[in-house]
Amino acid sequence: MPEPHLPLPLSLQKRLDKVQLEGTFRSLPKPFTGVDFTSNDYLGLAHDGKNIKFTSSLEGSMGSRLLQGNLPQILDLEKEAALLFQSEATLWFSSGYQANLAVMSSIPQKGDIILFDQECHASLKDGMRLSLAHKFGYKHLDYFQLEKKLKLNRIKFPNAQLYVVSESLFSMSGKWSDPNILYALCEQNGAYLIYDEAHSTGVVGNNGGGWFHYHLPNKTALSITYTLGKAPGFAGAFVAGSQRLINYLINFARPFIYTTAPPNLMVEATRWVIHKMAMAEDRRLELQEKLAFFYAQFGKTVSAPISPIIPIPITGISECKEVAQQLQNQGFNVKAILPPTVLPGTERLRINITALHTYEELRNLAKALKPWWS
């Protein structure tokens, strides 16, 4: 028999005890048999490939792409993704988290300035921590504050490169950013825009190509991340930009350099997924129709494109968990979103609507939510 494991260091045990005391302890959920309103599978594509027989074997890639893993199929896939996302070039990553980590840790340099929306995803913030740039948040979607900070930092650090970081659709607020304003502010202040399309990839735009080019079809940002783990129903991500940007990431982005390349089977499946997503216009329309129907249950008229993420504020950790449990008891898989994912005092339920929800399911959920809807 092996020896018993050593106890955790006291500092780590104290952290665990603290979150248990606060009611924010996390554990992996058990399978739920009710109606799921937690999934990011907005187009309902996640199960479409279950009966597809791919031709690739399970042969591994044998190394990073800078060594033995740069398969010709990956290069072809990146060219196809560049066409889809209206970009000169793309670089494939195993997840959106890894892609954002690569971008933010390698592009801003020591002495540069990063101005980021305070509700940006953890992957962007973690990448910023790895960079040596100065980092300043601006209030969520407060472009007046962003403009002031751009002008102030341009004066304060005249030789610094400025970067503005935003998501297209924010995962916790369910709100869209305004790429027109962001692009204009960057252009006026000599800044570069870094944009994350995680929750909008597949949901909006020509062939599901995202929010930025939906508004600015003839413009480009420095870097745009397109994630396949949400609406496309799969995994992986592409960073899109100029060929020079991609060359830079290949040379300096450590999460890319030191990661094993994807095997052929993953490449073939990814190609199938992006084709399926591009052709899913019927699902995009159906999603918008069902979102409009859901809001109509509360007497609200909302114009498209409507966010598939709907937060319901329930202040207080125990109160939010209790409401989520009540809804789960009624057969709705709805989760409480608690600190540190959101700030204390901003606890909420997060409802994710997908194209696969039936009108009856949406009507029943709306009825159950009415006591807390505002």
Protein backbone atom coordinates (compact mmCIF):
# COMPACT_ATOMS: atom_id res chain seq x y z
CA MET A 1 0.00 0.00 0.00
CA PRO A 2 1.29 3.49 -0.78
CA GLU A 3 1.90 5.89 2.09
CA PRO A 4 -0.95 8.28 2.97
CA HIS A 5 -0.84 11.60 1.16
CA LEU A 6 0.67 14.50 3.05
CA PRO A 7 -1.79 17.07 4.38
CA LEU A 8 -2.16 20.30 2.44
CA PRO A 9 0.12 23.17 3.45
CA LEU A 10 -1.69 25.18 6.13
CA SER A 11 -1.98 28.26 3.89
CA LEU A 12 -3.81 26.23 1.23
CA GLN A 13 -6.09 24.57 3.74
CA LYS A 14 -7.02 27.99 5.11
CA ARG A 15 -8.03 29.11 1.63
CA LEU A 16 -10.25 26.05 1.24
CA ASP A 17 -11.78 26.58 4.66
CA LYS A 18 -12.48 30.22 3.82
CA VAL A 19 -14.46 29.51 0.65
CA GLN A 20 -16.42 26.78 2.45
CA LEU A 21 -17.28 29.23 5.23
CA GLU A 22 -18.30 31.91 2.70
CA GLY A 23 -20.47 29.48 0.74
CA THR A 24 -18.43 29.79 -2.48
CA PHE A 25 -16.77 26.35 -2.38
CA ARG A 26 -16.77 24.73 -5.83
CA SER A 27 -17.23 21.08 -6.63
CA LEU A 28 -17.77 19.26 -9.91
CA PRO A 29 -21.51 18.96 -10.64
CA LYS A 30 -23.34 15.67 -10.95
CA PRO A 31 -25.27 14.93 -14.15
CA PHE A 32 -28.57 16.85 -14.28
CA THR A 33 -31.60 15.33 -15.96
CA GLY A 34 -33.74 18.47 -16.27
CA VAL A 35 -33.75 21.22 -18.88
CA ASP A 36 -30.27 22.70 -19.20
CA PHE A 37 -29.90 26.49 -19.14
CA THR A 38 -26.17 26.57 -18.34
CA SER A 39 -24.69 25.43 -21.65
CA ASN A 40 -22.71 27.71 -23.97
CA ASP A 41 -23.86 25.54 -26.90
CA TYR A 42 -25.94 28.46 -28.23
CA LEU A 43 -26.57 26.98 -31.67
CA GLY A 44 -27.14 23.44 -30.42
CA LEU A 45 -24.28 22.06 -32.51
CA ALA A 46 -22.43 20.15 -29.78
CA HIS A 47 -24.09 16.82 -30.54
CA ASP A 48 -24.37 17.14 -34.32
CA GLY A 49 -21.14 15.25 -34.89
CA LYS A 50 -21.94 12.19 -32.77
CA ASN A 51 -22.63 10.01 -35.81
CA ILE A 52 -19.90 11.44 -38.06
CA LYS A 53 -17.13 8.98 -38.92
CA PHE A 54 -13.84 10.82 -39.39
CA THR A 55 -11.13 9.34 -41.59
CA SER A 56 -8.11 10.30 -39.47
CA SER A 57 -6.48 7.80 -37.14
CA LEU A 58 -5.61 8.33 -33.48
CA GLU A 59 -1.96 8.85 -34.38
CA GLY A 60 -0.36 11.55 -32.24
CA SER A 61 1.40 14.68 -33.45
CA MET A 62 4.84 13.85 -31.98
CA GLY A 63 5.77 17.33 -30.82
CA SER A 64 5.15 21.05 -30.90
CA ARG A 65 4.49 22.75 -34.21
CA LEU A 66 7.99 24.22 -34.22
CA LEU A 67 9.43 20.69 -34.06
CA GLN A 68 7.60 17.73 -35.60
CA GLY A 69 3.94 18.68 -35.23
CA ASN A 70 3.33 21.21 -38.01
CA LEU A 71 1.07 19.01 -40.11
CA PRO A 72 0.07 20.30 -43.58
CA GLN A 73 -3.55 19.78 -42.54
CA ILE A 74 -3.16 22.38 -39.77
CA LEU A 75 -1.86 24.95 -42.26
CA ASP A 76 -4.82 24.28 -44.54
CA LEU A 77 -7.21 24.60 -41.59
CA GLU A 78 -5.73 27.96 -40.59
CA LYS A 79 -6.15 29.24 -44.17
CA GLU A 80 -9.83 28.19 -44.14
CA ALA A 81 -10.33 29.89 -40.76
CA ALA A 82 -8.74 33.09 -42.09
CA LEU A 83 -11.30 33.20 -44.91
CA LEU A 84 -14.16 32.57 -42.52
CA PHE A 85 -13.04 35.23 -40.04
CA GLN A 86 -12.11 37.80 -42.73
CA SER A 87 -8.48 37.91 -41.71
CA GLU A 88 -5.11 37.74 -43.44
CA ALA A 89 -4.01 34.80 -41.28
CA THR A 90 -4.92 32.77 -38.19
CA LEU A 91 -3.11 30.65 -35.62
CA TRP A 92 -4.77 27.58 -34.06
CA PHE A 93 -4.79 27.03 -30.26
CA SER A 94 -6.16 24.18 -28.16
CA SER A 95 -8.53 26.49 -26.22
CA GLY A 96 -9.72 30.07 -26.02
CA TYR A 97 -7.99 30.37 -22.65
CA GLN A 98 -4.64 29.37 -24.16
CA ALA A 99 -5.14 31.75 -27.10
CA ASN A 100 -5.87 34.74 -24.87
CA LEU A 101 -3.00 33.83 -22.56
CA ALA A 102 -0.67 33.76 -25.57
CA VAL A 103 -1.85 37.09 -26.95
CA MET A 104 -1.81 39.06 -23.70
CA SER A 105 1.43 37.65 -22.32
CA SER A 106 3.47 38.26 -25.47
CA ILE A 107 2.18 41.38 -27.24
CA PRO A 108 2.23 44.18 -24.60
CA GLN A 109 5.83 44.95 -23.63
CA LYS A 110 7.50 46.44 -20.57
CA GLY A 111 6.42 50.07 -20.26
CA ASP A 112 3.36 49.65 -22.50
CA ILE A 113 -0.18 50.42 -21.29
CA ILE A 114 -3.12 47.99 -21.27
CA LEU A 115 -6.60 49.47 -20.79
CA PHE A 116 -9.15 46.71 -20.29
CA ASP A 117 -12.84 46.39 -19.56
CA GLN A 118 -13.11 45.30 -15.92
CA GLU A 119 -15.43 42.42 -16.87
CA CYS A 120 -12.94 40.85 -19.28
CA HIS A 121 -12.49 37.10 -18.94
CA ALA A 122 -9.95 35.56 -16.57
CA SER A 123 -7.87 34.29 -19.51
CA LEU A 124 -7.25 37.86 -20.66
CA LYS A 125 -6.46 39.06 -17.15
CA ASP A 126 -4.13 36.14 -16.48
CA GLY A 127 -2.29 36.92 -19.70
CA MET A 128 -1.96 40.55 -18.63
CA ARG A 129 -0.39 39.45 -15.35
CA LEU A 130 2.30 37.61 -17.31
CA SER A 131 3.14 40.67 -19.36
CA LEU A 132 5.36 43.46 -18.02
CA ALA A 133 3.01 46.22 -19.17
CA HIS A 134 1.10 48.64 -16.94
CA LYS A 135 -2.54 47.55 -16.55
CA PHE A 136 -5.55 49.81 -15.90
CA GLY A 137 -9.18 48.71 -15.91
CA TYR A 138 -12.10 50.85 -17.00
CA LYS A 139 -15.68 50.43 -15.81
CA HIS A 140 -17.71 47.91 -17.75
CA LEU A 141 -18.64 49.42 -21.15
CA ASP A 142 -17.84 52.95 -19.87
CA TYR A 143 -16.29 54.41 -23.00
CA PHE A 144 -16.17 57.92 -21.56
CA GLN A 145 -13.84 56.62 -18.85
CA LEU A 146 -11.86 54.66 -21.44
CA GLU A 147 -11.37 57.81 -23.52
CA LYS A 148 -10.18 59.77 -20.49
CA LYS A 149 -7.70 57.04 -19.58
CA LEU A 150 -6.43 56.82 -23.15
CA LYS A 151 -5.77 60.56 -23.29
CA LEU A 152 -4.26 60.64 -19.78
CA ASN A 153 -1.88 57.76 -20.44
CA ARG A 154 -0.92 59.13 -23.84
CA ILE A 155 0.26 62.31 -22.04
CA LYS A 156 1.75 60.50 -19.04
CA PHE A 157 3.58 57.85 -21.09
CA PRO A 158 4.23 59.47 -24.49
CA ASN A 159 6.54 56.67 -25.68
CA ALA A 160 4.35 53.78 -24.52
CA GLN A 161 2.27 51.68 -26.86
CA LEU A 162 -1.40 51.68 -25.81
CA TYR A 163 -3.60 48.58 -26.04
CA VAL A 164 -7.36 48.41 -25.50
CA VAL A 165 -8.78 45.01 -24.55
CA SER A 166 -12.45 44.07 -24.74
CA GLU A 167 -14.76 41.16 -25.36
CA SER A 168 -17.54 41.26 -27.91
CA LEU A 169 -20.21 39.62 -25.73
CA PHE A 170 -19.44 39.57 -22.02
CA SER A 171 -20.09 36.22 -20.40
CA MET A 172 -21.37 37.49 -17.05
CA SER A 173 -23.28 40.69 -17.94
CA GLY A 174 -24.64 39.34 -21.23
CA LYS A 175 -23.97 42.75 -22.81
CA TRP A 176 -22.44 43.56 -26.18
CA SER A 177 -19.48 45.89 -26.51
CA ASP A 178 -19.51 48.56 -29.23
CA PRO A 179 -16.70 47.85 -31.72
CA ASN A 180 -17.44 51.09 -33.59
CA ILE A 181 -16.60 53.19 -30.54
CA LEU A 182 -13.66 51.01 -29.52
CA TYR A 183 -12.15 51.17 -33.01
CA ALA A 184 -12.65 54.95 -33.22
CA LEU A 185 -11.10 55.56 -29.79
CA CYS A 186 -8.08 53.42 -30.68
CA GLU A 187 -7.65 55.22 -34.00
CA GLN A 188 -7.89 58.65 -32.36
CA ASN A 189 -5.39 57.83 -29.62
CA GLY A 190 -2.84 55.69 -31.42
CA ALA A 191 -3.90 52.52 -29.61
CA TYR A 192 -4.30 48.94 -30.79
CA LEU A 193 -7.48 46.92 -30.18
CA ILE A 194 -7.30 43.34 -28.87
CA TYR A 195 -10.73 41.71 -29.10
CA ASP A 196 -12.18 38.44 -27.80
CA GLU A 197 -15.11 36.96 -29.75
CA ALA A 198 -15.56 33.89 -27.50
CA HIS A 199 -19.30 34.17 -26.90
CA SER A 200 -20.19 35.72 -30.26
CA THR A 201 -18.34 33.32 -32.59
CA GLY A 202 -21.06 31.54 -34.54
CA VAL A 203 -23.87 33.58 -32.97
CA VAL A 204 -23.69 36.67 -35.20
CA GLY A 205 -22.03 37.89 -38.36
CA ASN A 206 -21.60 36.60 -41.88
CA ASN A 207 -21.31 32.79 -41.58
CA GLY A 208 -21.13 33.26 -37.81
CA GLY A 209 -17.94 35.28 -38.18
CA GLY A 210 -18.47 37.36 -35.07
CA TRP A 211 -19.42 40.79 -33.76
CA PHE A 212 -16.46 42.90 -34.88
CA HIS A 213 -16.90 42.33 -38.62
CA TYR A 214 -20.69 42.40 -38.22
CA HIS A 215 -20.18 46.11 -37.47
CA LEU A 216 -16.89 46.82 -39.24
CA PRO A 217 -16.65 44.50 -42.26
CA ASN A 218 -13.77 46.43 -43.85
CA LYS A 219 -11.72 47.13 -40.71
CA THR A 220 -9.28 45.09 -38.67
CA ALA A 221 -8.22 44.87 -35.05
CA LEU A 222 -4.67 43.97 -34.06
CA SER A 223 -5.80 40.60 -32.70
CA ILE A 224 -9.18 38.85 -32.52
CA THR A 225 -9.72 35.53 -30.73
CA TYR A 226 -12.43 33.24 -32.09
CA THR A 227 -13.32 30.41 -29.72
CA LEU A 228 -14.90 27.13 -30.85
CA GLY A 229 -15.93 26.01 -27.37
CA LYS A 230 -19.17 28.01 -27.20
CA ALA A 231 -21.64 28.29 -30.09
CA PRO A 232 -19.63 26.00 -32.42
CA GLY A 233 -20.03 23.29 -29.76
CA PHE A 234 -16.47 21.99 -29.88
CA ALA A 235 -13.05 23.08 -28.53
CA GLY A 236 -10.04 25.09 -29.63
CA ALA A 237 -9.63 28.65 -30.86
CA PHE A 238 -8.09 30.77 -33.59
CA VAL A 239 -6.24 34.04 -33.16
CA ALA A 240 -6.83 36.14 -36.27
CA GLY A 241 -4.78 39.06 -37.50
CA SER A 242 -2.13 40.06 -39.99
CA GLN A 243 0.50 37.58 -41.14
CA ARG A 244 3.06 39.67 -39.28
CA LEU A 245 1.09 39.29 -36.05
CA ILE A 246 0.90 35.52 -36.54
CA ASN A 247 4.66 35.43 -37.22
CA TYR A 248 5.21 37.37 -34.00
CA LEU A 249 3.09 34.92 -31.95
CA ILE A 250 4.93 31.95 -33.46
CA ASN A 251 8.19 33.47 -32.27
CA PHE A 252 7.23 34.93 -28.89
CA ALA A 253 3.96 33.43 -27.56
CA ARG A 254 5.12 30.80 -25.06
CA PRO A 255 1.71 29.05 -24.77
CA PHE A 256 2.02 28.33 -28.50
CA ILE A 257 5.73 27.55 -28.68
CA TYR A 258 5.73 25.00 -25.86
CA THR A 259 2.43 23.22 -26.57
CA THR A 260 2.17 19.91 -28.39
CA ALA A 261 0.49 20.27 -31.78
CA PRO A 262 -3.03 18.87 -32.28
CA PRO A 263 -3.30 15.37 -33.76
CA ASN A 264 -4.80 14.83 -37.19
CA LEU A 265 -8.14 13.69 -35.79
CA MET A 266 -8.53 17.00 -33.92
CA VAL A 267 -7.69 18.94 -37.07
CA GLU A 268 -10.23 17.04 -39.17
CA ALA A 269 -12.94 17.47 -36.53
CA THR A 270 -12.20 21.19 -36.23
CA ARG A 271 -12.55 21.64 -39.99
CA TRP A 272 -15.92 19.87 -39.88
CA VAL A 273 -17.03 22.08 -36.97
CA ILE A 274 -16.21 25.42 -38.58
CA HIS A 275 -17.95 24.37 -41.80
CA LYS A 276 -21.01 23.32 -39.79
CA MET A 277 -20.99 26.62 -37.89
CA ALA A 278 -20.67 28.68 -41.07
CA MET A 279 -23.67 26.91 -42.61
CA ALA A 280 -25.86 27.19 -39.49
CA GLU A 281 -27.81 30.30 -40.52
CA ASP A 282 -31.07 28.53 -39.69
CA ARG A 283 -29.83 27.95 -36.13
CA ARG A 284 -28.77 31.59 -35.78
CA LEU A 285 -32.24 32.75 -36.86
CA GLU A 286 -33.95 30.21 -34.63
CA LEU A 287 -31.87 31.32 -31.64
CA GLN A 288 -32.89 34.96 -32.16
CA GLU A 289 -36.56 34.00 -32.53
CA LYS A 290 -36.49 32.03 -29.28
CA LEU A 291 -34.71 34.82 -27.42
CA ALA A 292 -37.35 37.30 -28.58
CA PHE A 293 -40.06 34.86 -27.47
CA PHE A 294 -38.46 34.48 -24.04
CA TYR A 295 -38.33 38.24 -23.46
CA ALA A 296 -41.92 38.55 -24.69
CA GLN A 297 -43.01 36.39 -21.74
CA PHE A 298 -42.07 39.37 -19.54
CA GLY A 299 -43.74 41.92 -21.81
CA LYS A 300 -40.43 43.07 -23.30
CA THR A 301 -39.63 43.69 -26.95
CA VAL A 302 -35.94 43.32 -27.77
CA SER A 303 -34.41 43.95 -31.17
CA ALA A 304 -31.95 41.51 -32.76
CA PRO A 305 -29.21 40.56 -32.39
CA ILE A 306 -30.15 39.56 -28.85
CA SER A 307 -27.60 38.21 -26.40
CA PRO A 308 -28.17 34.54 -25.52
CA ILE A 309 -26.80 35.26 -22.02
CA ILE A 310 -29.39 36.58 -19.58
CA PRO A 311 -28.26 37.47 -16.04
CA ILE A 312 -30.80 37.61 -13.21
CA PRO A 313 -29.39 39.61 -10.25
CA ILE A 314 -29.93 37.90 -6.89
CA THR A 315 -27.85 39.76 -4.30
CA GLY A 316 -26.29 37.65 -1.57
CA ILE A 317 -24.46 34.33 -1.81
CA SER A 318 -26.90 32.25 0.20
CA GLU A 319 -29.93 33.93 -1.42
CA CYS A 320 -28.61 33.32 -4.93
CA LYS A 321 -27.80 29.67 -4.20
CA GLU A 322 -31.26 29.17 -2.68
CA VAL A 323 -33.06 30.55 -5.75
CA ALA A 324 -30.91 28.41 -8.05
CA GLN A 325 -31.80 25.35 -5.95
CA GLN A 326 -35.51 26.20 -6.15
CA LEU A 327 -35.29 26.34 -9.94
CA GLN A 328 -33.32 23.08 -10.05
CA ASN A 329 -36.02 21.45 -7.95
CA GLN A 330 -38.49 22.50 -10.65
CA GLY A 331 -36.39 20.78 -13.32
CA PHE A 332 -34.39 23.73 -14.64
CA ASN A 333 -30.59 23.44 -14.62
CA VAL A 334 -29.75 27.02 -13.61
CA LYS A 335 -26.60 27.89 -11.68
CA ALA A 336 -25.75 30.61 -9.19
CA ILE A 337 -22.80 32.77 -10.29
CA LEU A 338 -20.86 33.75 -7.17
CA PRO A 339 -17.60 35.48 -6.17
CA PRO A 340 -14.83 35.41 -7.26
CA THR A 341 -16.33 34.95 -10.73
CA VAL A 342 -18.33 38.13 -10.06
CA LEU A 343 -17.75 40.85 -7.49
CA PRO A 344 -19.30 40.44 -4.01
CA GLY A 345 -22.75 41.99 -4.02
CA THR A 346 -23.30 41.29 -7.74
CA GLU A 347 -24.30 37.62 -7.44
CA ARG A 348 -26.63 36.43 -10.17
CA LEU A 349 -28.24 33.57 -11.99
CA ARG A 350 -27.04 33.20 -15.56
CA ILE A 351 -29.58 31.90 -18.06
CA ASN A 352 -28.17 30.66 -21.38
CA ILE A 353 -30.73 30.21 -24.15
CA THR A 354 -29.93 27.93 -27.09
CA ALA A 355 -31.55 27.19 -30.43
CA LEU A 356 -32.54 23.73 -29.15
CA HIS A 357 -34.77 24.94 -26.32
CA THR A 358 -38.45 24.43 -27.07
CA TYR A 359 -40.96 27.23 -26.77
CA GLU A 360 -42.69 25.29 -23.99
CA GLU A 361 -39.42 25.03 -22.03
CA LEU A 362 -38.84 28.77 -22.43
CA ARG A 363 -42.40 29.58 -21.38
CA ASN A 364 -42.10 27.37 -18.29
CA LEU A 365 -38.76 28.88 -17.27
CA ALA A 366 -40.09 32.41 -17.68
CA LYS A 367 -43.02 31.56 -15.46
CA ALA A 368 -40.69 30.15 -12.80
CA LEU A 369 -38.41 33.23 -13.00
CA LYS A 370 -41.09 35.92 -12.69
CA PRO A 371 -40.71 36.40 -8.91
CA TRP A 372 -37.08 37.46 -9.48
CA TRP A 373 -37.27 39.14 -12.89
CA SER A 374 -36.73 42.88 -13.02
